[in-house]
């Protein structure tokens, strides 16, 4: 009987390890796989002509983007979340165009019509933001800002050391560390965090970064000296309130604000909380650009 139980225990352990390996491999694939989409170009946004543009990053990835000019010297770059692309940024683009900002809406690497074989939850995507910033600089913009959602928000934090001259940043639903983001999602399914350890190892090999020690937006917030607006839902399963608070507390910016949308989850705040979003963002912009400096 003892031998039978021992063999049964070994068989169960082997089965568990095989399932663990399969689940881990599948999770890495689903997280990092490209998300291409045939996006049909638009001709106008908020009654402004839209120009399809191509931007090349320093690691030779070609990005596809929409650019719309409002005149003036101010522009905003919009970065979408992990399963989205530039199409999800149209409402925000229109919002800022109506306030006199030119806008750039890129498909981040591996999404939409952009090249790229990996999605890295913001790490390599920081190179995309840097390339977009350089594109707008070449167009003559003096004030360039960035607005990101989830993965896009984390992307902004990772690029802060290289882009200290951003005029302002808006971080919507950003995780504080990648391990927190993974643990929060696992907890939703009552799954212990240790299950993710092989995930981190495989991710590190593919993205060539240690996701546990390096992919920590909270550590990069020390570079957030520019005006900073952090937005989150007070009911987000993926991002507990204390994580958004920690990002805010870490930012050394003189002008900064943290706002929680009541009852909101991990979703588009402009589309679902239009009045509150408009009020808080307009108030923030008035601090960044006081009325006497407002665009004509």
C-alpha atoms as a PDB file:
ATOM      1  CA  UNK A   1       0.000   0.000   0.000  1.00  0.00           C
ATOM      2  CA  UNK A   2       2.853   2.392   0.868  1.00  0.00           C
ATOM      3  CA  UNK A   3       4.427   1.846  -2.562  1.00  0.00           C
ATOM      4  CA  UNK A   4       1.119   2.485  -4.295  1.00  0.00           C
ATOM      5  CA  UNK A   5       0.603   5.720  -2.378  1.00  0.00           C
ATOM      6  CA  UNK A   6       4.156   6.803  -3.149  1.00  0.00           C
ATOM      7  CA  UNK A   7       3.715   6.120  -6.868  1.00  0.00           C
ATOM      8  CA  UNK A   8       0.381   7.903  -6.816  1.00  0.00           C
ATOM      9  CA  UNK A   9       1.977  10.905  -5.107  1.00  0.00           C
ATOM     10  CA  UNK A  10       4.774  11.008  -7.696  1.00  0.00           C
ATOM     11  CA  UNK A  11       2.262  10.746 -10.527  1.00  0.00           C
ATOM     12  CA  UNK A  12       0.198  13.597  -9.073  1.00  0.00           C
ATOM     13  CA  UNK A  13       3.335  15.723  -8.670  1.00  0.00           C
ATOM     14  CA  UNK A  14       4.399  15.080 -12.268  1.00  0.00           C
ATOM     15  CA  UNK A  15       0.918  15.887 -13.494  1.00  0.00           C
ATOM     16  CA  UNK A  16       0.918  19.112 -11.477  1.00  0.00           C
ATOM     17  CA  UNK A  17       4.305  20.130 -12.888  1.00  0.00           C
ATOM     18  CA  UNK A  18       3.168  19.387 -16.435  1.00  0.00           C
ATOM     19  CA  UNK A  19       0.001  21.426 -15.957  1.00  0.00           C
ATOM     20  CA  UNK A  20       1.995  24.226 -14.329  1.00  0.00           C
ATOM     21  CA  UNK A  21       4.386  24.304 -17.281  1.00  0.00           C
ATOM     22  CA  UNK A  22       1.546  24.303 -19.792  1.00  0.00           C
ATOM     23  CA  UNK A  23      -0.360  27.060 -17.995  1.00  0.00           C
ATOM     24  CA  UNK A  24       2.780  29.164 -17.626  1.00  0.00           C
ATOM     25  CA  UNK A  25       3.725  28.801 -21.285  1.00  0.00           C
ATOM     26  CA  UNK A  26       0.177  29.640 -22.300  1.00  0.00           C
ATOM     27  CA  UNK A  27       0.083  32.700 -20.030  1.00  0.00           C
ATOM     28  CA  UNK A  28       3.348  34.048 -21.416  1.00  0.00           C
ATOM     29  CA  UNK A  29       2.138  33.508 -24.968  1.00  0.00           C
ATOM     30  CA  UNK A  30      -1.200  35.217 -24.353  1.00  0.00           C
ATOM     31  CA  UNK A  31       0.464  38.148 -22.595  1.00  0.00           C
ATOM     32  CA  UNK A  32       3.293  38.775 -25.046  1.00  0.00           C
ATOM     33  CA  UNK A  33       1.703  37.783 -28.349  1.00  0.00           C
ATOM     34  CA  UNK A  34       1.252  40.505 -30.999  1.00  0.00           C
ATOM     35  CA  UNK A  35      -2.247  41.895 -31.427  1.00  0.00           C
ATOM     36  CA  UNK A  36      -2.330  43.013 -35.067  1.00  0.00           C
ATOM     37  CA  UNK A  37      -5.432  44.596 -36.471  1.00  0.00           C
ATOM     38  CA  UNK A  38      -6.322  46.038 -39.853  1.00  0.00           C
ATOM     39  CA  UNK A  39      -7.305  49.533 -38.728  1.00  0.00           C
ATOM     40  CA  UNK A  40      -9.025  51.717 -41.269  1.00  0.00           C
ATOM     41  CA  UNK A  41      -7.573  55.215 -41.326  1.00  0.00           C
ATOM     42  CA  UNK A  42      -9.788  58.126 -40.356  1.00  0.00           C
ATOM     43  CA  UNK A  43      -9.780  61.437 -42.221  1.00  0.00           C
ATOM     44  CA  UNK A  44     -10.774  63.754 -39.380  1.00  0.00           C
ATOM     45  CA  UNK A  45     -10.913  63.831 -35.594  1.00  0.00           C
ATOM     46  CA  UNK A  46     -12.895  66.561 -33.826  1.00  0.00           C
ATOM     47  CA  UNK A  47     -13.086  68.298 -37.224  1.00  0.00           C
ATOM     48  CA  UNK A  48      -9.286  68.364 -37.568  1.00  0.00           C
ATOM     49  CA  UNK A  49      -7.578  66.624 -40.524  1.00  0.00           C
ATOM     50  CA  UNK A  50      -5.809  63.393 -39.558  1.00  0.00           C
ATOM     51  CA  UNK A  51      -2.505  62.406 -41.168  1.00  0.00           C
ATOM     52  CA  UNK A  52      -1.430  58.733 -41.113  1.00  0.00           C
ATOM     53  CA  UNK A  53       2.256  58.699 -40.183  1.00  0.00           C
ATOM     54  CA  UNK A  54       5.013  56.130 -39.758  1.00  0.00           C
ATOM     55  CA  UNK A  55       7.529  56.403 -36.917  1.00  0.00           C
ATOM     56  CA  UNK A  56      10.668  54.300 -36.434  1.00  0.00           C
ATOM     57  CA  UNK A  57      12.014  53.505 -32.967  1.00  0.00           C
ATOM     58  CA  UNK A  58      15.669  53.293 -31.968  1.00  0.00           C
ATOM     59  CA  UNK A  59      15.475  49.483 -32.115  1.00  0.00           C
ATOM     60  CA  UNK A  60      14.127  49.681 -35.686  1.00  0.00           C
ATOM     61  CA  UNK A  61      10.460  48.912 -35.011  1.00  0.00           C
ATOM     62  CA  UNK A  62       8.089  50.704 -37.375  1.00  0.00           C
ATOM     63  CA  UNK A  63       5.036  52.217 -35.710  1.00  0.00           C
ATOM     64  CA  UNK A  64       1.824  53.278 -37.395  1.00  0.00           C
ATOM     65  CA  UNK A  65       0.061  56.329 -35.987  1.00  0.00           C
ATOM     66  CA  UNK A  66      -2.470  59.104 -36.523  1.00  0.00           C
ATOM     67  CA  UNK A  67      -1.370  62.709 -36.206  1.00  0.00           C
ATOM     68  CA  UNK A  68      -3.733  65.672 -36.035  1.00  0.00           C
ATOM     69  CA  UNK A  69      -2.570  69.259 -35.690  1.00  0.00           C
ATOM     70  CA  UNK A  70      -4.469  71.922 -33.812  1.00  0.00           C
ATOM     71  CA  UNK A  71      -1.830  74.543 -34.496  1.00  0.00           C
ATOM     72  CA  UNK A  72       0.158  76.082 -31.681  1.00  0.00           C
ATOM     73  CA  UNK A  73       3.074  74.541 -29.828  1.00  0.00           C
ATOM     74  CA  UNK A  74       1.383  71.939 -27.604  1.00  0.00           C
ATOM     75  CA  UNK A  75       0.833  68.263 -28.294  1.00  0.00           C
ATOM     76  CA  UNK A  76      -0.180  65.094 -26.454  1.00  0.00           C
ATOM     77  CA  UNK A  77       0.784  61.474 -27.157  1.00  0.00           C
ATOM     78  CA  UNK A  78      -1.827  58.824 -26.302  1.00  0.00           C
ATOM     79  CA  UNK A  79      -0.840  55.284 -25.331  1.00  0.00           C
ATOM     80  CA  UNK A  80      -3.467  52.535 -25.161  1.00  0.00           C
ATOM     81  CA  UNK A  81      -3.742  49.483 -22.905  1.00  0.00           C
ATOM     82  CA  UNK A  82      -2.652  45.907 -23.552  1.00  0.00           C
ATOM     83  CA  UNK A  83      -5.577  44.677 -25.642  1.00  0.00           C
ATOM     84  CA  UNK A  84      -6.275  48.014 -27.309  1.00  0.00           C
ATOM     85  CA  UNK A  85      -4.768  50.190 -30.028  1.00  0.00           C
ATOM     86  CA  UNK A  86      -4.977  53.780 -31.230  1.00  0.00           C
ATOM     87  CA  UNK A  87      -8.698  53.425 -31.956  1.00  0.00           C
ATOM     88  CA  UNK A  88      -9.398  53.375 -28.214  1.00  0.00           C
ATOM     89  CA  UNK A  89      -7.672  56.760 -27.876  1.00  0.00           C
ATOM     90  CA  UNK A  90      -9.916  58.613 -30.332  1.00  0.00           C
ATOM     91  CA  UNK A  91     -12.197  60.087 -27.681  1.00  0.00           C
ATOM     92  CA  UNK A  92      -9.236  61.379 -25.681  1.00  0.00           C
ATOM     93  CA  UNK A  93      -7.643  62.724 -28.846  1.00  0.00           C
ATOM     94  CA  UNK A  94     -10.809  64.625 -29.689  1.00  0.00           C
ATOM     95  CA  UNK A  95     -11.008  65.915 -26.108  1.00  0.00           C
ATOM     96  CA  UNK A  96      -7.550  67.479 -26.331  1.00  0.00           C
ATOM     97  CA  UNK A  97      -7.931  68.731 -29.898  1.00  0.00           C
ATOM     98  CA  UNK A  98     -10.963  70.690 -28.734  1.00  0.00           C
ATOM     99  CA  UNK A  99      -8.710  72.291 -26.129  1.00  0.00           C
ATOM    100  CA  UNK A 100      -6.085  73.368 -28.630  1.00  0.00           C
ATOM    101  CA  UNK A 101      -3.608  70.502 -28.338  1.00  0.00           C
ATOM    102  CA  UNK A 102      -2.283  68.633 -31.341  1.00  0.00           C
ATOM    103  CA  UNK A 103      -2.421  64.870 -30.874  1.00  0.00           C
ATOM    104  CA  UNK A 104      -0.453  61.754 -31.816  1.00  0.00           C
ATOM    105  CA  UNK A 105      -2.183  58.385 -31.535  1.00  0.00           C
ATOM    106  CA  UNK A 106       0.255  55.500 -32.164  1.00  0.00           C
ATOM    107  CA  UNK A 107      -0.280  51.777 -32.248  1.00  0.00           C
ATOM    108  CA  UNK A 108       2.331  50.536 -29.806  1.00  0.00           C
ATOM    109  CA  UNK A 109       4.632  47.749 -30.982  1.00  0.00           C
ATOM    110  CA  UNK A 110       2.903  44.473 -31.677  1.00  0.00           C
ATOM    111  CA  UNK A 111      -0.546  46.074 -31.838  1.00  0.00           C
ATOM    112  CA  UNK A 112      -2.786  47.461 -34.550  1.00  0.00           C
ATOM    113  CA  UNK A 113      -0.818  48.156 -37.711  1.00  0.00           C
ATOM    114  CA  UNK A 114       2.568  48.578 -36.012  1.00  0.00           C
ATOM    115  CA  UNK A 115       5.408  46.107 -36.323  1.00  0.00           C
ATOM    116  CA  UNK A 116       6.792  44.152 -33.390  1.00  0.00           C
ATOM    117  CA  UNK A 117       6.855  40.522 -32.327  1.00  0.00           C
ATOM    118  CA  UNK A 118       6.377  41.071 -28.590  1.00  0.00           C
ATOM    119  CA  UNK A 119       4.102  42.963 -26.218  1.00  0.00           C
ATOM    120  CA  UNK A 120       6.090  43.654 -23.034  1.00  0.00           C
ATOM    121  CA  UNK A 121       3.531  45.358 -20.784  1.00  0.00           C
ATOM    122  CA  UNK A 122       5.228  48.725 -21.131  1.00  0.00           C
ATOM    123  CA  UNK A 123       8.943  47.955 -20.986  1.00  0.00           C
ATOM    124  CA  UNK A 124      10.033  47.953 -24.643  1.00  0.00           C
ATOM    125  CA  UNK A 125       7.044  50.144 -25.432  1.00  0.00           C
ATOM    126  CA  UNK A 126       8.927  52.966 -23.699  1.00  0.00           C
ATOM    127  CA  UNK A 127      11.060  53.100 -26.862  1.00  0.00           C
ATOM    128  CA  UNK A 128       7.856  53.717 -28.827  1.00  0.00           C
ATOM    129  CA  UNK A 129       7.004  56.698 -26.634  1.00  0.00           C
ATOM    130  CA  UNK A 130      10.507  58.077 -27.008  1.00  0.00           C
ATOM    131  CA  UNK A 131      10.226  57.810 -30.806  1.00  0.00           C
ATOM    132  CA  UNK A 132       6.829  59.536 -30.754  1.00  0.00           C
ATOM    133  CA  UNK A 133       8.278  62.318 -28.631  1.00  0.00           C
ATOM    134  CA  UNK A 134      11.137  62.774 -31.113  1.00  0.00           C
ATOM    135  CA  UNK A 135       8.617  62.874 -33.992  1.00  0.00           C
ATOM    136  CA  UNK A 136       6.739  65.753 -32.342  1.00  0.00           C
ATOM    137  CA  UNK A 137       9.957  67.580 -31.514  1.00  0.00           C
ATOM    138  CA  UNK A 138      10.876  67.429 -35.193  1.00  0.00           C
ATOM    139  CA  UNK A 139       7.479  68.942 -35.959  1.00  0.00           C
ATOM    140  CA  UNK A 140       8.421  71.911 -33.817  1.00  0.00           C
ATOM    141  CA  UNK A 141       6.336  71.361 -30.678  1.00  0.00           C
ATOM    142  CA  UNK A 142       7.639  73.085 -27.570  1.00  0.00           C
ATOM    143  CA  UNK A 143       5.301  71.433 -25.084  1.00  0.00           C
ATOM    144  CA  UNK A 144       4.810  67.663 -25.404  1.00  0.00           C
ATOM    145  CA  UNK A 145       2.784  65.588 -22.950  1.00  0.00           C
ATOM    146  CA  UNK A 146       1.825  61.930 -22.618  1.00  0.00           C
ATOM    147  CA  UNK A 147      -1.433  60.264 -21.595  1.00  0.00           C
ATOM    148  CA  UNK A 148      -1.459  56.499 -21.040  1.00  0.00           C
ATOM    149  CA  UNK A 149      -3.930  53.854 -19.939  1.00  0.00           C
ATOM    150  CA  UNK A 150      -2.843  50.723 -18.020  1.00  0.00           C
ATOM    151  CA  UNK A 151       0.055  49.335 -20.110  1.00  0.00           C
ATOM    152  CA  UNK A 152       0.295  52.769 -21.723  1.00  0.00           C
ATOM    153  CA  UNK A 153       0.544  54.444 -18.328  1.00  0.00           C
ATOM    154  CA  UNK A 154       3.311  52.072 -17.213  1.00  0.00           C
ATOM    155  CA  UNK A 155       5.081  52.816 -20.507  1.00  0.00           C
ATOM    156  CA  UNK A 156       5.190  56.497 -19.600  1.00  0.00           C
ATOM    157  CA  UNK A 157       6.767  55.811 -16.208  1.00  0.00           C
ATOM    158  CA  UNK A 158       9.481  53.629 -17.745  1.00  0.00           C
ATOM    159  CA  UNK A 159      10.370  56.423 -20.193  1.00  0.00           C
ATOM    160  CA  UNK A 160      10.571  59.196 -17.578  1.00  0.00           C
ATOM    161  CA  UNK A 161      14.376  59.021 -17.131  1.00  0.00           C
ATOM    162  CA  UNK A 162      14.787  59.634 -20.873  1.00  0.00           C
ATOM    163  CA  UNK A 163      11.969  62.201 -21.177  1.00  0.00           C
ATOM    164  CA  UNK A 164      12.357  64.599 -18.253  1.00  0.00           C
ATOM    165  CA  UNK A 165      11.043  67.472 -20.386  1.00  0.00           C
ATOM    166  CA  UNK A 166       7.515  66.110 -20.810  1.00  0.00           C
ATOM    167  CA  UNK A 167       5.162  69.007 -20.144  1.00  0.00           C
ATOM    168  CA  UNK A 168       2.774  66.838 -18.149  1.00  0.00           C
ATOM    169  CA  UNK A 169       1.749  63.222 -17.789  1.00  0.00           C
ATOM    170  CA  UNK A 170      -1.621  61.577 -17.214  1.00  0.00           C
ATOM    171  CA  UNK A 171      -1.472  58.036 -15.853  1.00  0.00           C
ATOM    172  CA  UNK A 172      -4.749  56.136 -16.004  1.00  0.00           C
ATOM    173  CA  UNK A 173      -5.038  52.824 -14.147  1.00  0.00           C
ATOM    174  CA  UNK A 174      -1.311  52.145 -13.881  1.00  0.00           C
ATOM    175  CA  UNK A 175       0.034  49.200 -11.903  1.00  0.00           C
ATOM    176  CA  UNK A 176       2.676  50.051  -9.281  1.00  0.00           C
ATOM    177  CA  UNK A 177       4.795  46.932  -9.925  1.00  0.00           C
ATOM    178  CA  UNK A 178       4.381  44.132 -12.427  1.00  0.00           C
ATOM    179  CA  UNK A 179       4.355  41.570  -9.629  1.00  0.00           C
ATOM    180  CA  UNK A 180       1.425  43.412  -8.045  1.00  0.00           C
ATOM    181  CA  UNK A 181      -0.419  43.410 -11.374  1.00  0.00           C
ATOM    182  CA  UNK A 182       0.056  39.647 -11.726  1.00  0.00           C
ATOM    183  CA  UNK A 183      -0.724  38.873  -8.084  1.00  0.00           C
ATOM    184  CA  UNK A 184      -3.937  40.936  -8.167  1.00  0.00           C
ATOM    185  CA  UNK A 185      -5.218  39.042 -11.177  1.00  0.00           C
ATOM    186  CA  UNK A 186      -4.294  35.663  -9.700  1.00  0.00           C
ATOM    187  CA  UNK A 187      -5.987  36.536  -6.413  1.00  0.00           C
ATOM    188  CA  UNK A 188      -9.210  37.169  -8.303  1.00  0.00           C
ATOM    189  CA  UNK A 189      -9.185  33.456  -9.169  1.00  0.00           C
ATOM    190  CA  UNK A 190      -7.974  32.383  -5.701  1.00  0.00           C
ATOM    191  CA  UNK A 191      -4.631  31.328  -7.167  1.00  0.00           C
ATOM    192  CA  UNK A 192      -1.401  31.644  -5.111  1.00  0.00           C
ATOM    193  CA  UNK A 193       1.257  34.002  -6.451  1.00  0.00           C
ATOM    194  CA  UNK A 194       4.008  31.364  -6.598  1.00  0.00           C
ATOM    195  CA  UNK A 195       2.257  29.948  -9.662  1.00  0.00           C
ATOM    196  CA  UNK A 196       3.572  32.983 -11.568  1.00  0.00           C
ATOM    197  CA  UNK A 197       7.278  32.436 -10.803  1.00  0.00           C
ATOM    198  CA  UNK A 198       8.005  30.538 -14.046  1.00  0.00           C
ATOM    199  CA  UNK A 199       6.058  33.234 -15.910  1.00  0.00           C
ATOM    200  CA  UNK A 200       8.540  35.848 -14.725  1.00  0.00           C
ATOM    201  CA  UNK A 201      11.481  33.675 -15.769  1.00  0.00           C
ATOM    202  CA  UNK A 202      10.191  33.126 -19.305  1.00  0.00           C
ATOM    203  CA  UNK A 203       9.151  36.768 -19.633  1.00  0.00           C
ATOM    204  CA  UNK A 204      12.674  37.820 -18.622  1.00  0.00           C
ATOM    205  CA  UNK A 205      14.229  35.616 -21.295  1.00  0.00           C
ATOM    206  CA  UNK A 206      11.973  36.958 -24.044  1.00  0.00           C
ATOM    207  CA  UNK A 207      11.913  40.653 -23.084  1.00  0.00           C
ATOM    208  CA  UNK A 208      15.524  40.705 -21.817  1.00  0.00           C
ATOM    209  CA  UNK A 209      14.549  42.439 -18.589  1.00  0.00           C
ATOM    210  CA  UNK A 210      14.011  41.204 -15.046  1.00  0.00           C
ATOM    211  CA  UNK A 211      10.306  41.923 -14.585  1.00  0.00           C
ATOM    212  CA  UNK A 212      10.444  41.449 -10.815  1.00  0.00           C
ATOM    213  CA  UNK A 213      13.244  43.898 -10.010  1.00  0.00           C
ATOM    214  CA  UNK A 214      12.979  46.331 -12.936  1.00  0.00           C
ATOM    215  CA  UNK A 215       9.361  46.589 -14.065  1.00  0.00           C
ATOM    216  CA  UNK A 216       8.286  48.700 -11.125  1.00  0.00           C
ATOM    217  CA  UNK A 217       6.609  51.967 -12.172  1.00  0.00           C
ATOM    218  CA  UNK A 218       6.657  53.112  -8.557  1.00  0.00           C
ATOM    219  CA  UNK A 219      10.477  53.272  -8.678  1.00  0.00           C
ATOM    220  CA  UNK A 220      10.378  55.368 -11.846  1.00  0.00           C
ATOM    221  CA  UNK A 221       7.985  57.886 -10.284  1.00  0.00           C
ATOM    222  CA  UNK A 222      11.009  59.524  -8.660  1.00  0.00           C
ATOM    223  CA  UNK A 223      11.547  61.065 -12.110  1.00  0.00           C
ATOM    224  CA  UNK A 224       8.024  62.546 -12.287  1.00  0.00           C
ATOM    225  CA  UNK A 225       9.011  66.170 -11.732  1.00  0.00           C
ATOM    226  CA  UNK A 226       6.596  67.361 -14.411  1.00  0.00           C
ATOM    227  CA  UNK A 227       2.899  68.035 -13.601  1.00  0.00           C
ATOM    228  CA  UNK A 228       1.324  64.646 -12.931  1.00  0.00           C
ATOM    229  CA  UNK A 229      -2.306  63.538 -12.961  1.00  0.00           C
ATOM    230  CA  UNK A 230      -3.094  60.011 -11.759  1.00  0.00           C
ATOM    231  CA  UNK A 231      -6.565  58.631 -12.486  1.00  0.00           C
ATOM    232  CA  UNK A 232      -8.035  55.356 -11.263  1.00  0.00           C
ATOM    233  CA  UNK A 233     -11.317  53.688 -10.420  1.00  0.00           C
ATOM    234  CA  UNK A 234     -12.066  53.076  -6.771  1.00  0.00           C
ATOM    235  CA  UNK A 235     -13.407  49.614  -7.647  1.00  0.00           C
ATOM    236  CA  UNK A 236     -10.648  48.302  -9.925  1.00  0.00           C
ATOM    237  CA  UNK A 237      -9.922  44.661  -9.209  1.00  0.00           C
ATOM    238  CA  UNK A 238      -6.618  44.934 -11.078  1.00  0.00           C
ATOM    239  CA  UNK A 239      -5.370  48.008  -9.195  1.00  0.00           C
ATOM    240  CA  UNK A 240      -6.242  48.499  -5.515  1.00  0.00           C
ATOM    241  CA  UNK A 241      -6.544  52.083  -4.313  1.00  0.00           C
ATOM    242  CA  UNK A 242      -3.342  51.915  -2.269  1.00  0.00           C
ATOM    243  CA  UNK A 243      -1.279  51.205  -5.403  1.00  0.00           C
ATOM    244  CA  UNK A 244      -2.452  54.381  -7.150  1.00  0.00           C
ATOM    245  CA  UNK A 245      -1.884  56.265  -3.909  1.00  0.00           C
ATOM    246  CA  UNK A 246       1.686  54.960  -3.731  1.00  0.00           C
ATOM    247  CA  UNK A 247       2.420  56.212  -7.259  1.00  0.00           C
ATOM    248  CA  UNK A 248       1.056  59.619  -6.328  1.00  0.00           C
ATOM    249  CA  UNK A 249       3.012  59.791  -3.084  1.00  0.00           C
ATOM    250  CA  UNK A 250       6.264  58.915  -4.853  1.00  0.00           C
ATOM    251  CA  UNK A 251       5.966  61.666  -7.494  1.00  0.00           C
ATOM    252  CA  UNK A 252       8.048  64.749  -6.582  1.00  0.00           C
ATOM    253  CA  UNK A 253       6.026  66.991  -8.938  1.00  0.00           C
ATOM    254  CA  UNK A 254       4.972  70.353  -7.522  1.00  0.00           C
ATOM    255  CA  UNK A 255       1.738  70.150  -9.510  1.00  0.00           C
ATOM    256  CA  UNK A 256       0.130  66.763  -9.044  1.00  0.00           C
ATOM    257  CA  UNK A 257      -3.314  65.316  -8.482  1.00  0.00           C
ATOM    258  CA  UNK A 258      -4.823  61.912  -7.712  1.00  0.00           C
ATOM    259  CA  UNK A 259      -8.463  61.279  -8.569  1.00  0.00           C
ATOM    260  CA  UNK A 260     -10.588  58.173  -8.079  1.00  0.00           C
ATOM    261  CA  UNK A 261     -13.747  57.683 -10.139  1.00  0.00           C
ATOM    262  CA  UNK A 262     -16.499  56.426  -7.880  1.00  0.00           C
ATOM    263  CA  UNK A 263     -17.663  52.903  -8.667  1.00  0.00           C
ATOM    264  CA  UNK A 264     -15.322  52.663 -11.651  1.00  0.00           C
ATOM    265  CA  UNK A 265     -13.443  49.571 -12.736  1.00  0.00           C
ATOM    266  CA  UNK A 266     -10.586  49.126 -15.196  1.00  0.00           C
ATOM    267  CA  UNK A 267     -12.252  51.029 -18.024  1.00  0.00           C
ATOM    268  CA  UNK A 268     -12.291  54.202 -20.158  1.00  0.00           C
ATOM    269  CA  UNK A 269     -13.063  56.989 -17.689  1.00  0.00           C
ATOM    270  CA  UNK A 270     -13.711  59.624 -20.340  1.00  0.00           C
ATOM    271  CA  UNK A 271     -16.359  57.498 -22.019  1.00  0.00           C
ATOM    272  CA  UNK A 272     -18.068  56.265 -18.845  1.00  0.00           C
ATOM    273  CA  UNK A 273     -17.519  59.168 -16.435  1.00  0.00           C
ATOM    274  CA  UNK A 274     -17.497  62.020 -18.939  1.00  0.00           C
ATOM    275  CA  UNK A 275     -18.549  64.829 -16.621  1.00  0.00           C
ATOM    276  CA  UNK A 276     -16.131  63.947 -13.820  1.00  0.00           C
ATOM    277  CA  UNK A 277     -13.276  63.284 -16.266  1.00  0.00           C
ATOM    278  CA  UNK A 278     -13.839  66.624 -17.995  1.00  0.00           C
ATOM    279  CA  UNK A 279     -13.883  68.514 -14.725  1.00  0.00           C
ATOM    280  CA  UNK A 280     -10.748  66.958 -13.271  1.00  0.00           C
ATOM    281  CA  UNK A 281      -8.676  67.121 -16.473  1.00  0.00           C
ATOM    282  CA  UNK A 282      -9.699  70.698 -17.271  1.00  0.00           C
ATOM    283  CA  UNK A 283      -8.793  71.709 -13.730  1.00  0.00           C
ATOM    284  CA  UNK A 284      -5.412  70.005 -14.067  1.00  0.00           C
ATOM    285  CA  UNK A 285      -4.700  71.651 -17.430  1.00  0.00           C
ATOM    286  CA  UNK A 286      -5.556  75.050 -15.952  1.00  0.00           C
ATOM    287  CA  UNK A 287      -2.825  74.448 -13.369  1.00  0.00           C
ATOM    288  CA  UNK A 288      -0.309  73.360 -15.983  1.00  0.00           C
ATOM    289  CA  UNK A 289      -1.149  76.210 -18.340  1.00  0.00           C
ATOM    290  CA  UNK A 290      -2.650  79.086 -16.310  1.00  0.00           C
ATOM    291  CA  UNK A 291      -5.357  81.140 -18.051  1.00  0.00           C
ATOM    292  CA  UNK A 292      -2.949  83.927 -18.993  1.00  0.00           C
ATOM    293  CA  UNK A 293      -0.951  81.326 -20.931  1.00  0.00           C
ATOM    294  CA  UNK A 294      -3.983  79.713 -22.566  1.00  0.00           C
ATOM    295  CA  UNK A 295      -4.039  79.127 -26.278  1.00  0.00           C
ATOM    296  CA  UNK A 296      -5.993  81.582 -28.386  1.00  0.00           C
END
